[in-house]
Protein backbone atom coordinates (compact mmCIF):
# COMPACT_ATOMS: atom_id res chain seq x y z
CA MET A 1 120.25 11.20 130.95
CA CYS A 2 123.60 11.89 129.45
CA SER A 3 125.15 15.34 129.89
CA VAL A 4 128.01 15.66 127.50
CA PRO A 5 128.68 18.47 124.84
CA ARG A 6 126.27 18.29 121.89
CA SER A 7 129.14 17.42 119.46
CA THR A 8 129.74 14.22 121.49
CA SER A 9 127.27 11.40 121.91
CA CYS A 10 126.80 9.55 125.11
CA SER A 11 128.16 6.25 123.65
CA ASP A 12 131.48 8.17 122.47
CA ALA A 13 131.67 9.62 126.03
CA VAL A 14 131.30 6.13 127.56
CA LYS A 15 133.87 4.58 125.31
CA ARG A 16 136.38 7.36 126.01
CA LEU A 17 135.84 6.85 129.89
CA ARG A 18 136.29 3.15 129.42
CA LEU A 19 139.58 3.59 127.42
CA THR A 20 140.77 6.06 129.92
CA ILE A 21 140.16 3.65 132.90
CA LEU A 22 141.64 0.80 130.86
CA GLY A 23 144.77 2.95 130.12
CA ILE A 24 145.24 3.89 133.93
CA GLY A 25 144.84 0.22 134.75
CA LEU A 26 147.52 -0.88 132.36
CA ILE A 27 149.94 1.84 133.58
CA LEU A 28 149.34 0.87 137.16
CA GLY A 29 149.77 -2.79 136.37
CA MET A 30 153.12 -2.17 134.63
CA ALA A 31 154.38 0.01 137.55
CA THR A 32 153.85 -2.86 139.90
CA ALA A 33 154.47 -5.83 137.73
CA HIS A 34 158.27 -5.92 138.04
CA GLY A 35 158.54 -4.93 141.79
CA ASP A 36 161.53 -3.70 143.63
CA VAL A 37 165.01 -4.56 142.40
CA VAL A 38 167.51 -5.93 145.07
CA ALA A 39 171.17 -6.44 145.18
CA VAL A 40 172.15 -10.20 145.39
CA VAL A 41 175.09 -12.30 145.81
CA SER A 42 175.63 -16.11 145.76
CA ASP A 43 174.00 -17.96 148.57
CA ARG A 44 177.41 -19.07 149.61
CA SER A 45 178.88 -15.64 149.69
CA THR A 46 180.24 -14.12 152.93
CA VAL A 47 178.86 -10.66 152.04
CA VAL A 48 175.79 -9.99 154.08
CA SER A 49 175.40 -6.31 154.01
CA LEU A 50 176.67 -3.15 152.16
CA SER A 51 175.90 0.46 152.11
CA LYS A 52 174.22 1.95 149.15
CA ASN A 53 177.32 3.88 148.31
CA GLN A 54 179.41 0.62 148.38
CA VAL A 55 177.01 -1.01 145.96
CA VAL A 56 177.07 1.92 143.58
CA ASP A 57 180.88 2.15 143.73
CA ILE A 58 181.23 -1.48 142.80
CA PHE A 59 178.82 -1.03 139.81
CA LEU A 60 180.43 2.18 138.65
CA GLY A 61 183.98 0.91 138.83
CA ARG A 62 185.20 3.06 141.72
CA ALA A 63 185.68 -0.05 144.05
CA ALA A 64 186.92 -3.43 143.13
CA ARG A 65 186.66 -5.14 146.47
CA PHE A 66 184.09 -5.84 149.01
CA PRO A 67 184.77 -4.47 152.52
CA ASN A 68 186.06 -7.93 153.60
CA GLY A 69 188.86 -7.57 151.02
CA ASN A 70 187.47 -10.08 148.55
CA GLN A 71 187.26 -9.10 144.95
CA ALA A 72 183.91 -7.80 143.83
CA VAL A 73 182.71 -8.69 140.44
CA PRO A 74 179.59 -6.77 139.37
CA ILE A 75 177.23 -8.42 136.85
CA ASP A 76 174.93 -5.96 135.15
CA GLN A 77 171.68 -6.44 133.23
CA ALA A 78 171.53 -5.44 129.65
CA GLU A 79 170.96 -1.79 128.73
CA GLY A 80 167.27 -1.02 128.38
CA THR A 81 165.96 -3.62 130.79
CA ALA A 82 163.57 -2.36 133.35
CA ALA A 83 165.56 -3.97 136.17
CA ARG A 84 168.74 -2.07 135.10
CA ASN A 85 166.89 1.27 134.76
CA GLU A 86 165.32 0.71 138.20
CA PHE A 87 168.66 -0.35 139.82
CA TYR A 88 170.54 2.57 138.65
CA THR A 89 167.63 5.07 139.37
CA ARG A 90 167.06 3.78 142.83
CA PHE A 91 170.73 3.03 144.06
CA ALA A 92 172.77 5.67 142.12
CA GLY A 93 170.12 8.16 141.39
CA LYS A 94 171.14 8.10 137.65
CA THR A 95 169.36 7.66 134.45
CA ALA A 96 170.29 5.13 131.79
CA ALA A 97 171.72 8.06 129.74
CA GLN A 98 173.94 9.18 132.75
CA ILE A 99 175.19 5.61 133.25
CA LYS A 100 176.04 5.31 129.51
CA ALA A 101 177.87 8.67 129.67
CA HIS A 102 179.79 7.72 132.80
CA TRP A 103 181.10 4.47 131.14
CA SER A 104 181.85 6.21 127.86
CA LYS A 105 183.97 8.57 129.76
CA ILE A 106 185.75 5.78 131.79
CA ILE A 107 186.42 3.81 128.70
CA PHE A 108 187.60 6.83 126.64
CA THR A 109 190.18 7.77 129.40
CA GLY A 110 191.36 4.09 129.72
CA ARG A 111 190.37 3.77 133.31
CA GLY A 112 188.21 0.87 133.12
CA GLN A 113 185.51 -1.21 131.50
CA PRO A 114 181.85 -1.56 132.56
CA PRO A 115 180.63 -4.75 134.26
CA ARG A 116 179.76 -7.69 132.18
CA ALA A 117 176.06 -7.58 131.21
CA VAL A 118 173.61 -10.49 130.87
CA SER A 119 170.16 -10.47 129.48
CA ASN A 120 168.13 -11.01 132.61
CA GLY A 121 167.85 -11.95 136.26
CA ALA A 122 168.04 -15.68 135.57
CA GLU A 123 171.28 -15.11 133.99
CA ILE A 124 172.45 -13.16 137.02
CA LYS A 125 171.56 -16.04 139.17
CA LYS A 126 173.41 -18.55 137.01
CA MET A 127 176.60 -16.46 137.05
CA LEU A 128 176.39 -15.96 140.85
CA ALA A 129 176.07 -19.79 141.27
CA SER A 130 179.58 -20.12 139.88
CA ASN A 131 181.26 -16.97 141.34
CA LEU A 132 181.42 -16.36 144.97
CA ASN A 133 182.76 -12.85 144.39
CA GLY A 134 179.88 -11.80 142.16
CA ILE A 135 177.24 -9.27 142.96
CA GLY A 136 174.17 -8.52 140.81
CA TYR A 137 170.69 -7.25 141.06
CA ILE A 138 167.37 -8.85 140.22
CA GLU A 139 163.71 -8.24 140.86
CA GLN A 140 162.79 -9.25 144.43
CA SER A 141 160.10 -11.63 143.11
CA ALA A 142 162.95 -13.58 141.35
CA VAL A 143 164.86 -14.17 144.66
CA ASP A 144 165.22 -17.89 145.48
CA ASP A 145 167.51 -20.23 147.38
CA SER A 146 170.32 -19.76 144.88
CA VAL A 147 171.00 -16.13 145.95
CA LYS A 148 171.16 -14.04 149.09
CA VAL A 149 169.76 -10.60 149.22
CA VAL A 150 172.42 -8.03 150.32
CA ARG A 151 171.05 -6.02 153.26
CA ILE A 152 171.51 -2.28 152.38
CA GLU A 153 172.61 -0.29 155.46
């Protein structure tokens, strides 16, 4: 026996329930589909670990060198990508709008330019293969032998 309000049939209630369950499943699937974002360098880089603040300072233009003295060349992902949004939220505690505002201010005052942006993690890996001073971020599931995950201390 179906116990729903008289204005709703049992089949309508079942359809709504199925759609709700489907929606929840899709949301949970999207939340886990991309996985954690990790900072990476070339597999030949001497950089092994950085603090979270050092990574953020490099990507926000506040530091131009790694702790070992080598130049640091940050490589960003394009605005609007899930990896970029997760990276800045997780590492810097900032939203996409806050990052855009940060760089607008820096550019306007003539104090710097944002990191070069590429379309995705595969492009980051390509750039790191030819630049030992590069640092980027990709989804952990995309890590392979061409890059080394930076240990965050």
